[in-house]
Amino acid sequence: HTTPSKWHEKVDAAYKAGCRRFDGAIQGFGGCPMAKDELT
């Protein structure tokens, strides 16, 4: 889960560390309702 400005650094870190399975949702809709930041 991410805020709009942090998506690239997170994907980049996981991919370069060898992860090849990624979950996502178009336009980042959804996410955990318990996240306090509504941009997450």
PDB file of all heavy atoms in Angstrom:
ATOM      1  N   HIS A   1       0.867  -1.172   0.000  1.00  0.00           N
ATOM      2  CA  HIS A   1       0.000   0.000   0.000  1.00  0.00           C
ATOM      3  C   HIS A   1       0.907   1.227   0.000  1.00  0.00           C
ATOM      4  O   HIS A   1       2.015   1.188   0.534  1.00  0.00           O
ATOM      5  CB  HIS A   1      -0.929  -0.001   1.210  1.00  0.00           C
ATOM      6  CG  HIS A   1      -1.976  -1.061   1.147  1.00  0.00           C
ATOM      7  ND1 HIS A   1      -2.824  -1.356   2.204  1.00  0.00           N
ATOM      8  CD2 HIS A   1      -2.327  -1.920   0.151  1.00  0.00           C
ATOM      9  CE1 HIS A   1      -3.649  -2.334   1.847  1.00  0.00           C
ATOM     10  NE2 HIS A   1      -3.362  -2.690   0.620  1.00  0.00           N
ATOM     11  N   THR A   2       0.415   2.299  -0.614  1.00  0.00           N
ATOM     12  CA  THR A   2       1.307   3.426  -0.823  1.00  0.00           C
ATOM     13  C   THR A   2       0.545   4.741  -0.946  1.00  0.00           C
ATOM     14  O   THR A   2      -0.641   4.743  -1.271  1.00  0.00           O
ATOM     15  CB  THR A   2       2.146   3.205  -2.109  1.00  0.00           C
ATOM     16  OG1 THR A   2       3.083   4.268  -2.258  1.00  0.00           O
ATOM     17  CG2 THR A   2       1.263   3.136  -3.350  1.00  0.00           C
ATOM     18  N   THR A   3       1.244   5.829  -0.685  1.00  0.00           N
ATOM     19  CA  THR A   3       0.725   7.147  -1.054  1.00  0.00           C
ATOM     20  C   THR A   3       1.166   7.399  -2.497  1.00  0.00           C
ATOM     21  O   THR A   3       2.091   6.752  -2.991  1.00  0.00           O
ATOM     22  CB  THR A   3       1.292   8.245  -0.129  1.00  0.00           C
ATOM     23  OG1 THR A   3       2.727   8.131  -0.116  1.00  0.00           O
ATOM     24  CG2 THR A   3       0.770   8.109   1.294  1.00  0.00           C
ATOM     25  N   PRO A   4       0.512   8.340  -3.203  1.00  0.00           N
ATOM     26  CA  PRO A   4       0.814   8.545  -4.621  1.00  0.00           C
ATOM     27  C   PRO A   4       2.284   8.823  -4.926  1.00  0.00           C
ATOM     28  O   PRO A   4       2.784   8.446  -5.989  1.00  0.00           O
ATOM     29  CB  PRO A   4      -0.058   9.755  -4.998  1.00  0.00           C
ATOM     30  CG  PRO A   4      -1.218   9.670  -4.064  1.00  0.00           C
ATOM     31  CD  PRO A   4      -0.664   9.146  -2.773  1.00  0.00           C
ATOM     32  N   SER A   5       2.992   9.455  -4.012  1.00  0.00           N
ATOM     33  CA  SER A   5       4.382   9.840  -4.309  1.00  0.00           C
ATOM     34  C   SER A   5       5.401   8.730  -4.011  1.00  0.00           C
ATOM     35  O   SER A   5       6.560   8.834  -4.403  1.00  0.00           O
ATOM     36  CB  SER A   5       4.763  11.085  -3.505  1.00  0.00           C
ATOM     37  OG  SER A   5       4.703  10.808  -2.117  1.00  0.00           O
ATOM     38  N   LYS A   6       4.962   7.664  -3.315  1.00  0.00           N
ATOM     39  CA  LYS A   6       5.942   6.668  -2.860  1.00  0.00           C
ATOM     40  C   LYS A   6       5.901   5.353  -3.654  1.00  0.00           C
ATOM     41  O   LYS A   6       6.652   4.434  -3.366  1.00  0.00           O
ATOM     42  CB  LYS A   6       5.690   6.334  -1.375  1.00  0.00           C
ATOM     43  CG  LYS A   6       5.819   7.523  -0.431  1.00  0.00           C
ATOM     44  CD  LYS A   6       7.261   7.814  -0.102  1.00  0.00           C
ATOM     45  CE  LYS A   6       7.421   8.984   0.850  1.00  0.00           C
ATOM     46  NZ  LYS A   6       6.971   8.718   2.195  1.00  0.00           N
ATOM     47  N   TRP A   7       5.002   5.248  -4.642  1.00  0.00           N
ATOM     48  CA  TRP A   7       4.813   3.946  -5.305  1.00  0.00           C
ATOM     49  C   TRP A   7       6.095   3.467  -5.985  1.00  0.00           C
ATOM     50  O   TRP A   7       6.459   2.288  -5.887  1.00  0.00           O
ATOM     51  CB  TRP A   7       3.658   4.026  -6.316  1.00  0.00           C
ATOM     52  CG  TRP A   7       4.012   4.787  -7.562  1.00  0.00           C
ATOM     53  CD1 TRP A   7       3.861   6.120  -7.786  1.00  0.00           C
ATOM     54  CD2 TRP A   7       4.634   4.253  -8.740  1.00  0.00           C
ATOM     55  NE1 TRP A   7       4.344   6.465  -9.028  1.00  0.00           N
ATOM     56  CE2 TRP A   7       4.822   5.332  -9.637  1.00  0.00           C
ATOM     57  CE3 TRP A   7       5.062   2.981  -9.129  1.00  0.00           C
ATOM     58  CZ2 TRP A   7       5.399   5.166 -10.897  1.00  0.00           C
ATOM     59  CZ3 TRP A   7       5.635   2.824 -10.381  1.00  0.00           C
ATOM     60  CH2 TRP A   7       5.806   3.901 -11.248  1.00  0.00           C
ATOM     61  N   HIS A   8       6.808   4.377  -6.675  1.00  0.00           N
ATOM     62  CA  HIS A   8       7.945   3.960  -7.496  1.00  0.00           C
ATOM     63  C   HIS A   8       9.066   3.373  -6.648  1.00  0.00           C
ATOM     64  O   HIS A   8       9.607   2.297  -6.960  1.00  0.00           O
ATOM     65  CB  HIS A   8       8.479   5.142  -8.311  1.00  0.00           C
ATOM     66  CG  HIS A   8       9.579   4.755  -9.258  1.00  0.00           C
ATOM     67  ND1 HIS A   8      10.902   4.639  -8.868  1.00  0.00           N
ATOM     68  CD2 HIS A   8       9.557   4.408 -10.570  1.00  0.00           C
ATOM     69  CE1 HIS A   8      11.644   4.267  -9.900  1.00  0.00           C
ATOM     70  NE2 HIS A   8      10.852   4.115 -10.938  1.00  0.00           N
ATOM     71  N   GLU A   9       9.395   4.038  -5.548  1.00  0.00           N
ATOM     72  CA  GLU A   9      10.522   3.563  -4.740  1.00  0.00           C
ATOM     73  C   GLU A   9      10.214   2.204  -4.102  1.00  0.00           C
ATOM     74  O   GLU A   9      11.115   1.384  -3.913  1.00  0.00           O
ATOM     75  CB  GLU A   9      10.887   4.594  -3.669  1.00  0.00           C
ATOM     76  CG  GLU A   9       9.797   4.900  -2.666  1.00  0.00           C
ATOM     77  CD  GLU A   9      10.141   6.091  -1.761  1.00  0.00           C
ATOM     78  OE1 GLU A   9      10.636   7.114  -2.263  1.00  0.00           O
ATOM     79  OE2 GLU A   9       9.902   5.975  -0.549  1.00  0.00           O
ATOM     80  N   LYS A  10       8.930   1.938  -3.820  1.00  0.00           N
ATOM     81  CA  LYS A  10       8.562   0.656  -3.215  1.00  0.00           C
ATOM     82  C   LYS A  10       8.624  -0.481  -4.230  1.00  0.00           C
ATOM     83  O   LYS A  10       9.190  -1.546  -3.957  1.00  0.00           O
ATOM     84  CB  LYS A  10       7.163   0.749  -2.593  1.00  0.00           C
ATOM     85  CG  LYS A  10       7.096   1.694  -1.394  1.00  0.00           C
ATOM     86  CD  LYS A  10       5.759   1.633  -0.683  1.00  0.00           C
ATOM     87  CE  LYS A  10       5.751   2.545   0.538  1.00  0.00           C
ATOM     88  NZ  LYS A  10       4.602   2.333   1.408  1.00  0.00           N
ATOM     89  N   VAL A  11       8.037  -0.273  -5.397  1.00  0.00           N
ATOM     90  CA  VAL A  11       8.092  -1.297  -6.451  1.00  0.00           C
ATOM     91  C   VAL A  11       9.537  -1.557  -6.860  1.00  0.00           C
ATOM     92  O   VAL A  11       9.965  -2.704  -7.025  1.00  0.00           O
ATOM     93  CB  VAL A  11       7.261  -0.865  -7.686  1.00  0.00           C
ATOM     94  CG1 VAL A  11       7.501  -1.800  -8.857  1.00  0.00           C
ATOM     95  CG2 VAL A  11       5.783  -0.842  -7.344  1.00  0.00           C
ATOM     96  N   ASP A  12      10.285  -0.491  -7.005  1.00  0.00           N
ATOM     97  CA  ASP A  12      11.687  -0.594  -7.425  1.00  0.00           C
ATOM     98  C   ASP A  12      12.503  -1.417  -6.430  1.00  0.00           C
ATOM     99  O   ASP A  12      13.278  -2.300  -6.814  1.00  0.00           O
ATOM    100  CB  ASP A  12      12.269   0.827  -7.553  1.00  0.00           C
ATOM    101  CG  ASP A  12      13.642   0.844  -8.198  1.00  0.00           C
ATOM    102  OD1 ASP A  12      13.779   0.281  -9.303  1.00  0.00           O
ATOM    103  OD2 ASP A  12      14.573   1.421  -7.596  1.00  0.00           O
ATOM    104  N   ALA A  13      12.286  -1.170  -5.140  1.00  0.00           N
ATOM    105  CA  ALA A  13      13.026  -1.906  -4.106  1.00  0.00           C
ATOM    106  C   ALA A  13      12.678  -3.388  -4.138  1.00  0.00           C
ATOM    107  O   ALA A  13      13.559  -4.252  -4.075  1.00  0.00           O
ATOM    108  CB  ALA A  13      12.724  -1.322  -2.725  1.00  0.00           C
ATOM    109  N   ALA A  14      11.381  -3.711  -4.254  1.00  0.00           N
ATOM    110  CA  ALA A  14      10.954  -5.118  -4.263  1.00  0.00           C
ATOM    111  C   ALA A  14      11.443  -5.836  -5.515  1.00  0.00           C
ATOM    112  O   ALA A  14      11.941  -6.970  -5.450  1.00  0.00           O
ATOM    113  CB  ALA A  14       9.433  -5.198  -4.160  1.00  0.00           C
ATOM    114  N   TYR A  15      11.319  -5.183  -6.659  1.00  0.00           N
ATOM    115  CA  TYR A  15      11.717  -5.818  -7.929  1.00  0.00           C
ATOM    116  C   TYR A  15      13.225  -6.079  -7.964  1.00  0.00           C
ATOM    117  O   TYR A  15      13.669  -7.170  -8.328  1.00  0.00           O
ATOM    118  CB  TYR A  15      11.292  -4.930  -9.101  1.00  0.00           C
ATOM    119  CG  TYR A  15      11.542  -5.568 -10.448  1.00  0.00           C
ATOM    120  CD1 TYR A  15      10.734  -6.608 -10.899  1.00  0.00           C
ATOM    121  CD2 TYR A  15      12.583  -5.141 -11.270  1.00  0.00           C
ATOM    122  CE1 TYR A  15      10.947  -7.207 -12.135  1.00  0.00           C
ATOM    123  CE2 TYR A  15      12.813  -5.728 -12.503  1.00  0.00           C
ATOM    124  CZ  TYR A  15      11.991  -6.752 -12.931  1.00  0.00           C
ATOM    125  OH  TYR A  15      12.226  -7.353 -14.158  1.00  0.00           O
ATOM    126  N   LYS A  16      13.988  -5.081  -7.544  1.00  0.00           N
ATOM    127  CA  LYS A  16      15.458  -5.233  -7.578  1.00  0.00           C
ATOM    128  C   LYS A  16      15.936  -6.245  -6.545  1.00  0.00           C
ATOM    129  O   LYS A  16      17.019  -6.816  -6.677  1.00  0.00           O
ATOM    130  CB  LYS A  16      16.132  -3.881  -7.372  1.00  0.00           C
ATOM    131  CG  LYS A  16      16.025  -3.009  -8.627  1.00  0.00           C
ATOM    132  CD  LYS A  16      16.659  -1.649  -8.453  1.00  0.00           C
ATOM    133  CE  LYS A  16      16.608  -0.875  -9.767  1.00  0.00           C
ATOM    134  NZ  LYS A  16      16.969   0.544  -9.587  1.00  0.00           N
ATOM    135  N   ALA A  17      15.113  -6.508  -5.514  1.00  0.00           N
ATOM    136  CA  ALA A  17      15.474  -7.507  -4.502  1.00  0.00           C
ATOM    137  C   ALA A  17      15.024  -8.912  -4.910  1.00  0.00           C
ATOM    138  O   ALA A  17      15.228  -9.863  -4.162  1.00  0.00           O
ATOM    139  CB  ALA A  17      14.862  -7.137  -3.160  1.00  0.00           C
ATOM    140  N   GLY A  18      14.393  -9.026  -6.084  1.00  0.00           N
ATOM    141  CA  GLY A  18      14.061 -10.352  -6.602  1.00  0.00           C
ATOM    142  C   GLY A  18      12.600 -10.734  -6.572  1.00  0.00           C
ATOM    143  O   GLY A  18      12.235 -11.836  -7.007  1.00  0.00           O
ATOM    144  N   CYS A  19      11.725  -9.863  -6.056  1.00  0.00           N
ATOM    145  CA  CYS A  19      10.294 -10.192  -6.027  1.00  0.00           C
ATOM    146  C   CYS A  19       9.730 -10.141  -7.445  1.00  0.00           C
ATOM    147  O   CYS A  19      10.015  -9.208  -8.207  1.00  0.00           O
ATOM    148  CB  CYS A  19       9.545  -9.203  -5.140  1.00  0.00           C
ATOM    149  SG  CYS A  19       7.776  -9.569  -5.008  1.00  0.00           S
ATOM    150  N   ARG A  20       8.920 -11.150  -7.788  1.00  0.00           N
ATOM    151  CA  ARG A  20       8.331 -11.215  -9.130  1.00  0.00           C
ATOM    152  C   ARG A  20       6.819 -11.417  -9.091  1.00  0.00           C
ATOM    153  O   ARG A  20       6.210 -11.776 -10.090  1.00  0.00           O
ATOM    154  CB  ARG A  20       9.005 -12.332  -9.953  1.00  0.00           C
ATOM    155  CG  ARG A  20      10.466 -12.098 -10.275  1.00  0.00           C
ATOM    156  CD  ARG A  20      10.654 -10.867 -11.160  1.00  0.00           C
ATOM    157  NE  ARG A  20      12.041 -10.578 -11.479  1.00  0.00           N
ATOM    158  CZ  ARG A  20      12.818  -9.751 -10.793  1.00  0.00           C
ATOM    159  NH1 ARG A  20      12.343  -9.133  -9.710  1.00  0.00           N
ATOM    160  NH2 ARG A  20      14.058  -9.513 -11.157  1.00  0.00           N
ATOM    161  N   ARG A  21       6.218 -11.205  -7.956  1.00  0.00           N
ATOM    162  CA  ARG A  21       4.761 -11.310  -7.812  1.00  0.00           C
ATOM    163  C   ARG A  21       4.274 -10.030  -7.136  1.00  0.00           C
ATOM    164  O   ARG A  21       4.660  -9.735  -6.004  1.00  0.00           O
ATOM    165  CB  ARG A  21       4.406 -12.540  -6.968  1.00  0.00           C
ATOM    166  CG  ARG A  21       2.901 -12.725  -6.723  1.00  0.00           C
ATOM    167  CD  ARG A  21       2.642 -13.863  -5.729  1.00  0.00           C
ATOM    168  NE  ARG A  21       1.227 -13.975  -5.449  1.00  0.00           N
ATOM    169  CZ  ARG A  21       0.390 -14.791  -6.085  1.00  0.00           C
ATOM    170  NH1 ARG A  21       0.837 -15.596  -7.033  1.00  0.00           N
ATOM    171  NH2 ARG A  21      -0.896 -14.828  -5.765  1.00  0.00           N
ATOM    172  N   PHE A  22       3.436  -9.271  -7.838  1.00  0.00           N
ATOM    173  CA  PHE A  22       3.006  -7.971  -7.339  1.00  0.00           C
ATOM    174  C   PHE A  22       1.493  -7.837  -7.402  1.00  0.00           C
ATOM    175  O   PHE A  22       0.887  -8.085  -8.439  1.00  0.00           O
ATOM    176  CB  PHE A  22       3.638  -6.846  -8.175  1.00  0.00           C
ATOM    177  CG  PHE A  22       5.110  -6.666  -7.941  1.00  0.00           C
ATOM    178  CD1 PHE A  22       6.050  -7.459  -8.595  1.00  0.00           C
ATOM    179  CD2 PHE A  22       5.567  -5.699  -7.051  1.00  0.00           C
ATOM    180  CE1 PHE A  22       7.409  -7.295  -8.370  1.00  0.00           C
ATOM    181  CE2 PHE A  22       6.928  -5.528  -6.820  1.00  0.00           C
ATOM    182  CZ  PHE A  22       7.845  -6.327  -7.480  1.00  0.00           C
ATOM    183  N   ASP A  23       0.892  -7.431  -6.280  1.00  0.00           N
ATOM    184  CA  ASP A  23      -0.537  -7.135  -6.228  1.00  0.00           C
ATOM    185  C   ASP A  23      -0.747  -5.649  -6.501  1.00  0.00           C
ATOM    186  O   ASP A  23       0.030  -4.808  -6.042  1.00  0.00           O
ATOM    187  CB  ASP A  23      -1.103  -7.427  -4.834  1.00  0.00           C
ATOM    188  CG  ASP A  23      -1.183  -8.915  -4.529  1.00  0.00           C
ATOM    189  OD1 ASP A  23      -0.616  -9.716  -5.290  1.00  0.00           O
ATOM    190  OD2 ASP A  23      -1.816  -9.274  -3.521  1.00  0.00           O
ATOM    191  N   GLY A  24      -1.832  -5.352  -7.199  1.00  0.00           N
ATOM    192  CA  GLY A  24      -2.160  -3.956  -7.442  1.00  0.00           C
ATOM    193  C   GLY A  24      -3.640  -3.783  -7.715  1.00  0.00           C
ATOM    194  O   GLY A  24      -4.391  -4.757  -7.797  1.00  0.00           O
ATOM    195  N   ALA A  25      -4.057  -2.541  -7.833  1.00  0.00           N
ATOM    196  CA  ALA A  25      -5.429  -2.226  -8.218  1.00  0.00           C
ATOM    197  C   ALA A  25      -5.380  -0.965  -9.077  1.00  0.00           C
ATOM    198  O   ALA A  25      -4.612  -0.042  -8.800  1.00  0.00           O
ATOM    199  CB  ALA A  25      -6.309  -1.995  -6.990  1.00  0.00           C
ATOM    200  N   ILE A  26      -6.174  -0.973 -10.133  1.00  0.00           N
ATOM    201  CA  ILE A  26      -6.197   0.180 -11.041  1.00  0.00           C
ATOM    202  C   ILE A  26      -6.428   1.468 -10.255  1.00  0.00           C
ATOM    203  O   ILE A  26      -7.294   1.543  -9.385  1.00  0.00           O
ATOM    204  CB  ILE A  26      -7.282  -0.030 -12.116  1.00  0.00           C
ATOM    205  CG1 ILE A  26      -6.788  -1.085 -13.138  1.00  0.00           C
ATOM    206  CG2 ILE A  26      -7.618   1.266 -12.833  1.00  0.00           C
ATOM    207  CD1 ILE A  26      -7.819  -1.524 -14.147  1.00  0.00           C
ATOM    208  N   GLN A  27      -5.588   2.457 -10.564  1.00  0.00           N
ATOM    209  CA  GLN A  27      -5.605   3.785  -9.918  1.00  0.00           C
ATOM    210  C   GLN A  27      -5.382   3.738  -8.405  1.00  0.00           C
ATOM    211  O   GLN A  27      -5.609   4.726  -7.709  1.00  0.00           O
ATOM    212  CB  GLN A  27      -6.917   4.517 -10.231  1.00  0.00           C
ATOM    213  CG  GLN A  27      -6.903   5.167 -11.600  1.00  0.00           C
ATOM    214  CD  GLN A  27      -7.457   6.579 -11.612  1.00  0.00           C
ATOM    215  OE1 GLN A  27      -8.257   6.968 -10.781  1.00  0.00           O
ATOM    216  NE2 GLN A  27      -7.033   7.357 -12.578  1.00  0.00           N
ATOM    217  N   GLY A  28      -4.956   2.591  -7.894  1.00  0.00           N
ATOM    218  CA  GLY A  28      -4.698   2.489  -6.454  1.00  0.00           C
ATOM    219  C   GLY A  28      -5.953   2.501  -5.612  1.00  0.00           C
ATOM    220  O   GLY A  28      -5.886   2.742  -4.401  1.00  0.00           O
ATOM    221  N   PHE A  29      -7.100   2.212  -6.236  1.00  0.00           N
ATOM    222  CA  PHE A  29      -8.351   2.226  -5.482  1.00  0.00           C
ATOM    223  C   PHE A  29      -8.283   1.211  -4.344  1.00  0.00           C
ATOM    224  O   PHE A  29      -7.686   0.159  -4.461  1.00  0.00           O
ATOM    225  CB  PHE A  29      -9.539   1.878  -6.391  1.00  0.00           C
ATOM    226  CG  PHE A  29      -9.865   2.940  -7.393  1.00  0.00           C
ATOM    227  CD1 PHE A  29      -9.930   2.651  -8.743  1.00  0.00           C
ATOM    228  CD2 PHE A  29     -10.119   4.246  -6.985  1.00  0.00           C
ATOM    229  CE1 PHE A  29     -10.240   3.628  -9.670  1.00  0.00           C
ATOM    230  CE2 PHE A  29     -10.431   5.238  -7.905  1.00  0.00           C
ATOM    231  CZ  PHE A  29     -10.486   4.930  -9.260  1.00  0.00           C
ATOM    232  N   GLY A  30      -8.962   1.544  -3.244  1.00  0.00           N
ATOM    233  CA  GLY A  30      -9.026   0.613  -2.117  1.00  0.00           C
ATOM    234  C   GLY A  30      -7.841   0.764  -1.187  1.00  0.00           C
ATOM    235  O   GLY A  30      -7.282   1.845  -1.018  1.00  0.00           O
ATOM    236  N   GLY A  31      -7.451  -0.348  -0.592  1.00  0.00           N
ATOM    237  CA  GLY A  31      -6.429  -0.315   0.453  1.00  0.00           C
ATOM    238  C   GLY A  31      -7.096  -0.594   1.782  1.00  0.00           C
ATOM    239  O   GLY A  31      -8.303  -0.758   1.870  1.00  0.00           O
ATOM    240  N   CYS A  32      -6.309  -0.650   2.807  1.00  0.00           N
ATOM    241  CA  CYS A  32      -6.853  -1.016   4.111  1.00  0.00           C
ATOM    242  C   CYS A  32      -7.659   0.133   4.716  1.00  0.00           C
ATOM    243  O   CYS A  32      -7.135   1.242   4.852  1.00  0.00           O
ATOM    244  CB  CYS A  32      -5.719  -1.393   5.066  1.00  0.00           C
ATOM    245  SG  CYS A  32      -6.333  -1.866   6.687  1.00  0.00           S
ATOM    246  N   PRO A  33      -8.920  -0.137   5.093  1.00  0.00           N
ATOM    247  CA  PRO A  33      -9.720   0.938   5.688  1.00  0.00           C
ATOM    248  C   PRO A  33      -9.172   1.419   7.028  1.00  0.00           C
ATOM    249  O   PRO A  33      -9.569   2.464   7.528  1.00  0.00           O
ATOM    250  CB  PRO A  33     -11.109   0.301   5.863  1.00  0.00           C
ATOM    251  CG  PRO A  33     -10.908  -1.169   5.757  1.00  0.00           C
ATOM    252  CD  PRO A  33      -9.676  -1.380   4.950  1.00  0.00           C
ATOM    253  N   MET A  34      -8.237   0.645   7.619  1.00  0.00           N
ATOM    254  CA  MET A  34      -7.670   1.057   8.906  1.00  0.00           C
ATOM    255  C   MET A  34      -6.447   1.957   8.743  1.00  0.00           C
ATOM    256  O   MET A  34      -5.887   2.415   9.728  1.00  0.00           O
ATOM    257  CB  MET A  34      -7.304  -0.182   9.736  1.00  0.00           C
ATOM    258  CG  MET A  34      -8.533  -0.939  10.186  1.00  0.00           C
ATOM    259  SD  MET A  34      -8.140  -2.406  11.092  1.00  0.00           S
ATOM    260  CE  MET A  34      -9.710  -3.245  11.024  1.00  0.00           C
ATOM    261  N   ALA A  35      -6.036   2.165   7.497  1.00  0.00           N
ATOM    262  CA  ALA A  35      -4.930   3.111   7.291  1.00  0.00           C
ATOM    263  C   ALA A  35      -5.423   4.512   7.637  1.00  0.00           C
ATOM    264  O   ALA A  35      -6.473   4.945   7.184  1.00  0.00           O
ATOM    265  CB  ALA A  35      -4.460   3.053   5.838  1.00  0.00           C
ATOM    266  N   LYS A  36      -4.659   5.212   8.455  1.00  0.00           N
ATOM    267  CA  LYS A  36      -5.129   6.520   8.925  1.00  0.00           C
ATOM    268  C   LYS A  36      -5.063   7.583   7.827  1.00  0.00           C
ATOM    269  O   LYS A  36      -5.823   8.521   7.806  1.00  0.00           O
ATOM    270  CB  LYS A  36      -4.294   6.963  10.128  1.00  0.00           C
ATOM    271  CG  LYS A  36      -4.515   6.081  11.362  1.00  0.00           C
ATOM    272  CD  LYS A  36      -3.899   6.717  12.589  1.00  0.00           C
ATOM    273  CE  LYS A  36      -4.234   5.953  13.854  1.00  0.00           C
ATOM    274  NZ  LYS A  36      -3.496   4.729  13.985  1.00  0.00           N
ATOM    275  N   ASP A  37      -4.128   7.419   6.891  1.00  0.00           N
ATOM    276  CA  ASP A  37      -3.940   8.415   5.839  1.00  0.00           C
ATOM    277  C   ASP A  37      -4.835   8.045   4.659  1.00  0.00           C
ATOM    278  O   ASP A  37      -4.660   7.014   4.038  1.00  0.00           O
ATOM    279  CB  ASP A  37      -2.466   8.418   5.410  1.00  0.00           C
ATOM    280  CG  ASP A  37      -2.158   9.483   4.383  1.00  0.00           C
ATOM    281  OD1 ASP A  37      -3.114  10.063   3.821  1.00  0.00           O
ATOM    282  OD2 ASP A  37      -0.976   9.729   4.133  1.00  0.00           O
ATOM    283  N   GLU A  38      -5.795   8.918   4.335  1.00  0.00           N
ATOM    284  CA  GLU A  38      -6.735   8.569   3.266  1.00  0.00           C
ATOM    285  C   GLU A  38      -6.066   8.524   1.895  1.00  0.00           C
ATOM    286  O   GLU A  38      -6.642   8.027   0.936  1.00  0.00           O
ATOM    287  CB  GLU A  38      -7.903   9.562   3.239  1.00  0.00           C
ATOM    288  CG  GLU A  38      -7.509  10.991   2.979  1.00  0.00           C
ATOM    289  CD  GLU A  38      -8.714  11.936   3.057  1.00  0.00           C
ATOM    290  OE1 GLU A  38      -9.674  11.643   3.779  1.00  0.00           O
ATOM    291  OE2 GLU A  38      -8.655  12.966   2.375  1.00  0.00           O
ATOM    292  N   LEU A  39      -4.838   9.044   1.785  1.00  0.00           N
ATOM    293  CA  LEU A  39      -4.110   8.953   0.515  1.00  0.00           C
ATOM    294  C   LEU A  39      -3.434   7.593   0.338  1.00  0.00           C
ATOM    295  O   LEU A  39      -2.921   7.285  -0.724  1.00  0.00           O
ATOM    296  CB  LEU A  39      -3.045  10.059   0.432  1.00  0.00           C
ATOM    297  CG  LEU A  39      -3.581  11.489   0.315  1.00  0.00           C
ATOM    298  CD1 LEU A  39      -2.429  12.478   0.344  1.00  0.00           C
ATOM    299  CD2 LEU A  39      -4.394  11.659  -0.952  1.00  0.00           C
ATOM    300  N   THR A  40      -3.415   6.790   1.407  1.00  0.00           N
ATOM    301  CA  THR A  40      -2.784   5.474   1.317  1.00  0.00           C
ATOM    302  C   THR A  40      -3.756   4.494   0.674  1.00  0.00           C
ATOM    303  O   THR A  40      -4.821   4.221   1.213  1.00  0.00           O
ATOM    304  CB  THR A  40      -2.384   4.963   2.711  1.00  0.00           C
ATOM    305  OG1 THR A  40      -1.453   5.876   3.287  1.00  0.00           O
ATOM    306  CG2 THR A  40      -1.723   3.598   2.618  1.00  0.00           C
TER     307      THR A  40
END
